[in-house]
């Protein structure tokens, strides 16, 4: 009986040892996997995106590459404050923390000021409708000038204090001024002046 009891104890001990070894091995595997994942994803390692706004593409590309980043040209826009070919915007923005090899998308200044045609509004539109069309066409509105005429009827469109015709192309975002009626009646009939000068030669000497 003693031998059987010792055998059972030995078997149980071996089983426990095997279980302990399996647990230790499993923990080691889990630790190794986590370390590998941490190394693979560079967990906790970030790069601060440098500010390349205003730079040319070549200069910005060198700076981004030196910081372990890539770049792509996302689009072109116009900005009068930035030199032609200079960078207007970047995504992610400067100072953002990103992983190595992250792509930074750049927007460059095309250098070409976009032009828009003035809508057909003079003698063809009410003040409110004209304002809506001007905003919709990409222009800004100056202070409305009122003259004698039908109330809120558009008589002229002015750009830089000069009358402009429909279809004229001017820079997008320019300010237009509407000349509209103030509702006062306009008397177009010239009255004869009874006190006007008389040609005395008509009557002779």
C-alpha atoms as a PDB file:
ATOM      1  CA  UNK A   1       0.000   0.000   0.000  1.00  0.00           C
ATOM      2  CA  UNK A   2       2.867   2.282   0.832  1.00  0.00           C
ATOM      3  CA  UNK A   3       4.316   1.715  -2.624  1.00  0.00           C
ATOM      4  CA  UNK A   4       0.976   2.568  -4.295  1.00  0.00           C
ATOM      5  CA  UNK A   5       0.647   5.694  -2.195  1.00  0.00           C
ATOM      6  CA  UNK A   6       4.156   6.839  -3.077  1.00  0.00           C
ATOM      7  CA  UNK A   7       3.522   6.147  -6.760  1.00  0.00           C
ATOM      8  CA  UNK A   8       0.350   8.263  -6.696  1.00  0.00           C
ATOM      9  CA  UNK A   9       2.199  11.035  -4.931  1.00  0.00           C
ATOM     10  CA  UNK A  10       4.980  10.865  -7.505  1.00  0.00           C
ATOM     11  CA  UNK A  11       2.477  10.947 -10.370  1.00  0.00           C
ATOM     12  CA  UNK A  12       0.685  13.936  -8.907  1.00  0.00           C
ATOM     13  CA  UNK A  13       3.996  15.720  -8.407  1.00  0.00           C
ATOM     14  CA  UNK A  14       4.998  15.064 -12.003  1.00  0.00           C
ATOM     15  CA  UNK A  15       1.614  16.319 -13.223  1.00  0.00           C
ATOM     16  CA  UNK A  16       1.949  19.465 -11.143  1.00  0.00           C
ATOM     17  CA  UNK A  17       5.466  19.995 -12.453  1.00  0.00           C
ATOM     18  CA  UNK A  18       4.224  19.601 -16.036  1.00  0.00           C
ATOM     19  CA  UNK A  19       1.385  22.048 -15.388  1.00  0.00           C
ATOM     20  CA  UNK A  20       3.794  24.539 -13.829  1.00  0.00           C
ATOM     21  CA  UNK A  21       6.144  24.191 -16.781  1.00  0.00           C
ATOM     22  CA  UNK A  22       3.253  24.762 -19.209  1.00  0.00           C
ATOM     23  CA  UNK A  23       2.160  27.843 -17.293  1.00  0.00           C
ATOM     24  CA  UNK A  24       5.699  29.235 -17.240  1.00  0.00           C
ATOM     25  CA  UNK A  25       6.145  28.455 -20.948  1.00  0.00           C
ATOM     26  CA  UNK A  26       2.828  30.107 -21.783  1.00  0.00           C
ATOM     27  CA  UNK A  27       3.781  33.222 -19.815  1.00  0.00           C
ATOM     28  CA  UNK A  28       7.144  33.368 -21.583  1.00  0.00           C
ATOM     29  CA  UNK A  29       5.437  33.092 -24.967  1.00  0.00           C
ATOM     30  CA  UNK A  30       2.969  35.863 -24.058  1.00  0.00           C
ATOM     31  CA  UNK A  31       5.787  38.129 -22.854  1.00  0.00           C
ATOM     32  CA  UNK A  32       7.799  37.493 -26.017  1.00  0.00           C
ATOM     33  CA  UNK A  33       4.785  38.195 -28.236  1.00  0.00           C
ATOM     34  CA  UNK A  34       4.051  41.473 -26.450  1.00  0.00           C
ATOM     35  CA  UNK A  35       7.679  42.532 -26.725  1.00  0.00           C
ATOM     36  CA  UNK A  36       7.688  41.694 -30.421  1.00  0.00           C
ATOM     37  CA  UNK A  37       4.469  43.617 -31.010  1.00  0.00           C
ATOM     38  CA  UNK A  38       5.817  46.571 -29.073  1.00  0.00           C
ATOM     39  CA  UNK A  39       8.969  46.548 -31.165  1.00  0.00           C
ATOM     40  CA  UNK A  40       7.088  46.007 -34.434  1.00  0.00           C
ATOM     41  CA  UNK A  41       4.585  48.829 -33.898  1.00  0.00           C
ATOM     42  CA  UNK A  42       7.158  51.068 -32.173  1.00  0.00           C
ATOM     43  CA  UNK A  43       4.729  51.435 -29.294  1.00  0.00           C
ATOM     44  CA  UNK A  44       5.189  54.748 -27.506  1.00  0.00           C
ATOM     45  CA  UNK A  45       7.674  56.035 -30.082  1.00  0.00           C
ATOM     46  CA  UNK A  46       6.396  59.176 -31.810  1.00  0.00           C
ATOM     47  CA  UNK A  47       7.811  61.837 -34.096  1.00  0.00           C
ATOM     48  CA  UNK A  48       6.758  65.471 -33.865  1.00  0.00           C
ATOM     49  CA  UNK A  49       5.786  66.677 -37.345  1.00  0.00           C
ATOM     50  CA  UNK A  50       7.995  69.637 -38.365  1.00  0.00           C
ATOM     51  CA  UNK A  51       6.490  72.862 -39.677  1.00  0.00           C
ATOM     52  CA  UNK A  52       7.136  73.065 -43.434  1.00  0.00           C
ATOM     53  CA  UNK A  53       4.584  75.762 -44.272  1.00  0.00           C
ATOM     54  CA  UNK A  54       5.843  78.354 -46.757  1.00  0.00           C
ATOM     55  CA  UNK A  55       8.690  76.089 -47.936  1.00  0.00           C
ATOM     56  CA  UNK A  56       9.151  74.709 -51.429  1.00  0.00           C
ATOM     57  CA  UNK A  57       8.454  71.017 -52.028  1.00  0.00           C
ATOM     58  CA  UNK A  58      12.131  69.974 -52.284  1.00  0.00           C
ATOM     59  CA  UNK A  59      13.137  71.664 -49.026  1.00  0.00           C
ATOM     60  CA  UNK A  60      10.108  70.322 -47.176  1.00  0.00           C
ATOM     61  CA  UNK A  61      10.734  66.819 -48.535  1.00  0.00           C
ATOM     62  CA  UNK A  62      14.302  66.833 -47.212  1.00  0.00           C
ATOM     63  CA  UNK A  63      13.193  67.985 -43.755  1.00  0.00           C
ATOM     64  CA  UNK A  64      10.411  65.405 -43.531  1.00  0.00           C
ATOM     65  CA  UNK A  65      12.706  62.610 -44.706  1.00  0.00           C
ATOM     66  CA  UNK A  66      15.307  63.612 -42.105  1.00  0.00           C
ATOM     67  CA  UNK A  67      12.592  63.147 -39.476  1.00  0.00           C
ATOM     68  CA  UNK A  68      11.602  59.713 -40.761  1.00  0.00           C
ATOM     69  CA  UNK A  69       8.461  60.892 -42.532  1.00  0.00           C
ATOM     70  CA  UNK A  70       7.143  60.692 -46.069  1.00  0.00           C
ATOM     71  CA  UNK A  71       5.082  63.224 -48.018  1.00  0.00           C
ATOM     72  CA  UNK A  72       2.590  63.489 -50.866  1.00  0.00           C
ATOM     73  CA  UNK A  73       1.186  66.477 -52.753  1.00  0.00           C
ATOM     74  CA  UNK A  74      -2.514  66.427 -51.898  1.00  0.00           C
ATOM     75  CA  UNK A  75      -3.741  69.460 -53.856  1.00  0.00           C
ATOM     76  CA  UNK A  76      -3.035  72.933 -55.217  1.00  0.00           C
ATOM     77  CA  UNK A  77      -4.727  76.155 -54.095  1.00  0.00           C
ATOM     78  CA  UNK A  78      -4.127  79.882 -54.384  1.00  0.00           C
ATOM     79  CA  UNK A  79      -2.933  82.039 -51.519  1.00  0.00           C
ATOM     80  CA  UNK A  80      -1.625  85.538 -52.186  1.00  0.00           C
ATOM     81  CA  UNK A  81       0.318  85.447 -48.906  1.00  0.00           C
ATOM     82  CA  UNK A  82       2.457  82.474 -49.992  1.00  0.00           C
ATOM     83  CA  UNK A  83       5.050  82.396 -52.771  1.00  0.00           C
ATOM     84  CA  UNK A  84       4.113  80.382 -55.872  1.00  0.00           C
ATOM     85  CA  UNK A  85       4.986  76.732 -55.285  1.00  0.00           C
ATOM     86  CA  UNK A  86       5.156  77.240 -51.529  1.00  0.00           C
ATOM     87  CA  UNK A  87       3.333  75.023 -49.073  1.00  0.00           C
ATOM     88  CA  UNK A  88       0.021  76.445 -47.845  1.00  0.00           C
ATOM     89  CA  UNK A  89      -1.198  73.594 -45.638  1.00  0.00           C
ATOM     90  CA  UNK A  90       0.045  70.303 -44.227  1.00  0.00           C
ATOM     91  CA  UNK A  91      -1.783  67.324 -42.740  1.00  0.00           C
ATOM     92  CA  UNK A  92      -1.021  66.259 -40.011  1.00  0.00           C
ATOM     93  CA  UNK A  93      -0.324  69.775 -38.763  1.00  0.00           C
ATOM     94  CA  UNK A  94       3.013  70.882 -37.376  1.00  0.00           C
ATOM     95  CA  UNK A  95       3.635  69.607 -33.863  1.00  0.00           C
ATOM     96  CA  UNK A  96       1.385  66.552 -34.191  1.00  0.00           C
ATOM     97  CA  UNK A  97       2.857  63.302 -32.827  1.00  0.00           C
ATOM     98  CA  UNK A  98       2.897  60.519 -35.426  1.00  0.00           C
ATOM     99  CA  UNK A  99       4.606  57.179 -36.044  1.00  0.00           C
ATOM    100  CA  UNK A 100       7.706  56.853 -38.192  1.00  0.00           C
ATOM    101  CA  UNK A 101       7.076  56.540 -41.959  1.00  0.00           C
ATOM    102  CA  UNK A 102       3.791  58.452 -41.625  1.00  0.00           C
ATOM    103  CA  UNK A 103       2.819  60.322 -44.794  1.00  0.00           C
ATOM    104  CA  UNK A 104       2.379  64.082 -44.511  1.00  0.00           C
ATOM    105  CA  UNK A 105      -0.012  65.512 -47.134  1.00  0.00           C
ATOM    106  CA  UNK A 106       0.916  68.907 -48.549  1.00  0.00           C
ATOM    107  CA  UNK A 107      -1.131  71.623 -50.295  1.00  0.00           C
ATOM    108  CA  UNK A 108       0.918  73.862 -52.603  1.00  0.00           C
ATOM    109  CA  UNK A 109       0.229  77.363 -53.868  1.00  0.00           C
ATOM    110  CA  UNK A 110      -0.665  77.174 -57.560  1.00  0.00           C
ATOM    111  CA  UNK A 111       0.237  80.830 -58.118  1.00  0.00           C
ATOM    112  CA  UNK A 112      -2.799  81.243 -60.367  1.00  0.00           C
ATOM    113  CA  UNK A 113      -5.433  83.560 -58.963  1.00  0.00           C
ATOM    114  CA  UNK A 114      -8.872  82.058 -59.714  1.00  0.00           C
ATOM    115  CA  UNK A 115     -11.182  84.298 -61.725  1.00  0.00           C
ATOM    116  CA  UNK A 116     -14.984  84.475 -61.613  1.00  0.00           C
ATOM    117  CA  UNK A 117     -17.517  86.081 -63.977  1.00  0.00           C
ATOM    118  CA  UNK A 118     -19.839  88.751 -62.612  1.00  0.00           C
ATOM    119  CA  UNK A 119     -23.479  87.567 -62.681  1.00  0.00           C
ATOM    120  CA  UNK A 120     -26.081  89.319 -64.845  1.00  0.00           C
ATOM    121  CA  UNK A 121     -27.789  91.457 -62.190  1.00  0.00           C
ATOM    122  CA  UNK A 122     -28.074  95.089 -63.366  1.00  0.00           C
ATOM    123  CA  UNK A 123     -31.652  95.942 -64.415  1.00  0.00           C
ATOM    124  CA  UNK A 124     -32.415  92.287 -63.955  1.00  0.00           C
ATOM    125  CA  UNK A 125     -32.673  91.582 -60.235  1.00  0.00           C
ATOM    126  CA  UNK A 126     -33.898  92.683 -56.827  1.00  0.00           C
ATOM    127  CA  UNK A 127     -31.402  93.626 -54.123  1.00  0.00           C
ATOM    128  CA  UNK A 128     -31.926  90.471 -52.078  1.00  0.00           C
ATOM    129  CA  UNK A 129     -31.624  88.175 -55.102  1.00  0.00           C
ATOM    130  CA  UNK A 130     -28.493  90.016 -56.256  1.00  0.00           C
ATOM    131  CA  UNK A 131     -26.844  89.663 -52.848  1.00  0.00           C
ATOM    132  CA  UNK A 132     -27.522  85.938 -52.867  1.00  0.00           C
ATOM    133  CA  UNK A 133     -26.094  85.485 -56.368  1.00  0.00           C
ATOM    134  CA  UNK A 134     -22.992  87.537 -55.589  1.00  0.00           C
ATOM    135  CA  UNK A 135     -22.220  85.428 -52.506  1.00  0.00           C
ATOM    136  CA  UNK A 136     -22.922  82.265 -54.470  1.00  0.00           C
ATOM    137  CA  UNK A 137     -20.543  83.340 -57.251  1.00  0.00           C
ATOM    138  CA  UNK A 138     -17.660  83.585 -54.780  1.00  0.00           C
ATOM    139  CA  UNK A 139     -17.555  87.356 -54.293  1.00  0.00           C
ATOM    140  CA  UNK A 140     -17.889  89.612 -51.258  1.00  0.00           C
ATOM    141  CA  UNK A 141     -20.360  92.452 -50.774  1.00  0.00           C
ATOM    142  CA  UNK A 142     -19.538  96.069 -50.099  1.00  0.00           C
ATOM    143  CA  UNK A 143     -21.943  98.643 -48.648  1.00  0.00           C
ATOM    144  CA  UNK A 144     -24.950  99.099 -50.944  1.00  0.00           C
ATOM    145  CA  UNK A 145     -25.227 102.485 -52.680  1.00  0.00           C
ATOM    146  CA  UNK A 146     -28.757 103.863 -53.017  1.00  0.00           C
ATOM    147  CA  UNK A 147     -29.976 106.188 -55.756  1.00  0.00           C
ATOM    148  CA  UNK A 148     -33.398 107.506 -56.735  1.00  0.00           C
ATOM    149  CA  UNK A 149     -35.329 104.705 -58.364  1.00  0.00           C
ATOM    150  CA  UNK A 150     -37.558 101.702 -57.751  1.00  0.00           C
ATOM    151  CA  UNK A 151     -37.120 100.377 -54.227  1.00  0.00           C
ATOM    152  CA  UNK A 152     -34.383  97.716 -53.964  1.00  0.00           C
ATOM    153  CA  UNK A 153     -34.080  97.366 -57.723  1.00  0.00           C
ATOM    154  CA  UNK A 154     -30.503  96.786 -58.892  1.00  0.00           C
ATOM    155  CA  UNK A 155     -29.286  99.415 -61.356  1.00  0.00           C
ATOM    156  CA  UNK A 156     -25.544  98.823 -61.380  1.00  0.00           C
ATOM    157  CA  UNK A 157     -22.767  96.549 -60.129  1.00  0.00           C
ATOM    158  CA  UNK A 158     -19.472  98.261 -59.297  1.00  0.00           C
ATOM    159  CA  UNK A 159     -15.980  96.911 -58.801  1.00  0.00           C
ATOM    160  CA  UNK A 160     -13.279  99.197 -57.436  1.00  0.00           C
ATOM    161  CA  UNK A 161     -15.701 102.144 -57.740  1.00  0.00           C
ATOM    162  CA  UNK A 162     -16.297 101.492 -61.437  1.00  0.00           C
ATOM    163  CA  UNK A 163     -19.359 100.121 -63.185  1.00  0.00           C
ATOM    164  CA  UNK A 164     -18.791  96.602 -64.522  1.00  0.00           C
ATOM    165  CA  UNK A 165     -20.795  94.607 -67.007  1.00  0.00           C
ATOM    166  CA  UNK A 166     -22.165  91.100 -66.554  1.00  0.00           C
ATOM    167  CA  UNK A 167     -19.680  88.427 -67.592  1.00  0.00           C
ATOM    168  CA  UNK A 168     -16.599  90.480 -66.714  1.00  0.00           C
ATOM    169  CA  UNK A 169     -14.044  88.232 -65.029  1.00  0.00           C
ATOM    170  CA  UNK A 170     -12.418  89.489 -61.846  1.00  0.00           C
ATOM    171  CA  UNK A 171     -10.473  87.727 -59.056  1.00  0.00           C
ATOM    172  CA  UNK A 172     -12.502  85.349 -56.911  1.00  0.00           C
ATOM    173  CA  UNK A 173     -13.295  86.826 -53.508  1.00  0.00           C
ATOM    174  CA  UNK A 174     -13.288  90.424 -54.777  1.00  0.00           C
ATOM    175  CA  UNK A 175     -15.717  92.923 -53.260  1.00  0.00           C
ATOM    176  CA  UNK A 176     -18.627  94.093 -55.403  1.00  0.00           C
ATOM    177  CA  UNK A 177     -20.901  97.031 -54.671  1.00  0.00           C
ATOM    178  CA  UNK A 178     -24.579  97.041 -55.589  1.00  0.00           C
ATOM    179  CA  UNK A 179     -26.260 100.265 -56.715  1.00  0.00           C
ATOM    180  CA  UNK A 180     -29.958  99.957 -55.895  1.00  0.00           C
ATOM    181  CA  UNK A 181     -33.060 102.142 -55.852  1.00  0.00           C
ATOM    182  CA  UNK A 182     -34.204 103.883 -52.690  1.00  0.00           C
ATOM    183  CA  UNK A 183     -37.877 104.026 -53.607  1.00  0.00           C
ATOM    184  CA  UNK A 184     -37.994 107.719 -54.447  1.00  0.00           C
ATOM    185  CA  UNK A 185     -39.870 108.712 -57.585  1.00  0.00           C
ATOM    186  CA  UNK A 186     -37.732 109.835 -60.514  1.00  0.00           C
ATOM    187  CA  UNK A 187     -39.250 112.666 -62.568  1.00  0.00           C
ATOM    188  CA  UNK A 188     -38.097 112.175 -66.150  1.00  0.00           C
ATOM    189  CA  UNK A 189     -40.255 114.923 -67.669  1.00  0.00           C
ATOM    190  CA  UNK A 190     -38.393 118.160 -68.319  1.00  0.00           C
ATOM    191  CA  UNK A 191     -40.569 121.115 -67.473  1.00  0.00           C
ATOM    192  CA  UNK A 192     -40.433 124.195 -69.724  1.00  0.00           C
ATOM    193  CA  UNK A 193     -38.911 127.211 -68.057  1.00  0.00           C
ATOM    194  CA  UNK A 194     -41.163 130.213 -68.727  1.00  0.00           C
ATOM    195  CA  UNK A 195     -38.401 132.554 -67.601  1.00  0.00           C
ATOM    196  CA  UNK A 196     -35.946 131.253 -70.156  1.00  0.00           C
ATOM    197  CA  UNK A 197     -33.984 133.572 -72.383  1.00  0.00           C
ATOM    198  CA  UNK A 198     -35.682 134.836 -75.548  1.00  0.00           C
ATOM    199  CA  UNK A 199     -33.769 135.292 -78.754  1.00  0.00           C
ATOM    200  CA  UNK A 200     -34.277 139.042 -79.430  1.00  0.00           C
ATOM    201  CA  UNK A 201     -33.152 138.654 -83.039  1.00  0.00           C
ATOM    202  CA  UNK A 202     -36.434 136.852 -83.638  1.00  0.00           C
ATOM    203  CA  UNK A 203     -38.324 140.139 -83.190  1.00  0.00           C
ATOM    204  CA  UNK A 204     -35.901 142.287 -85.093  1.00  0.00           C
ATOM    205  CA  UNK A 205     -34.519 145.679 -84.001  1.00  0.00           C
END
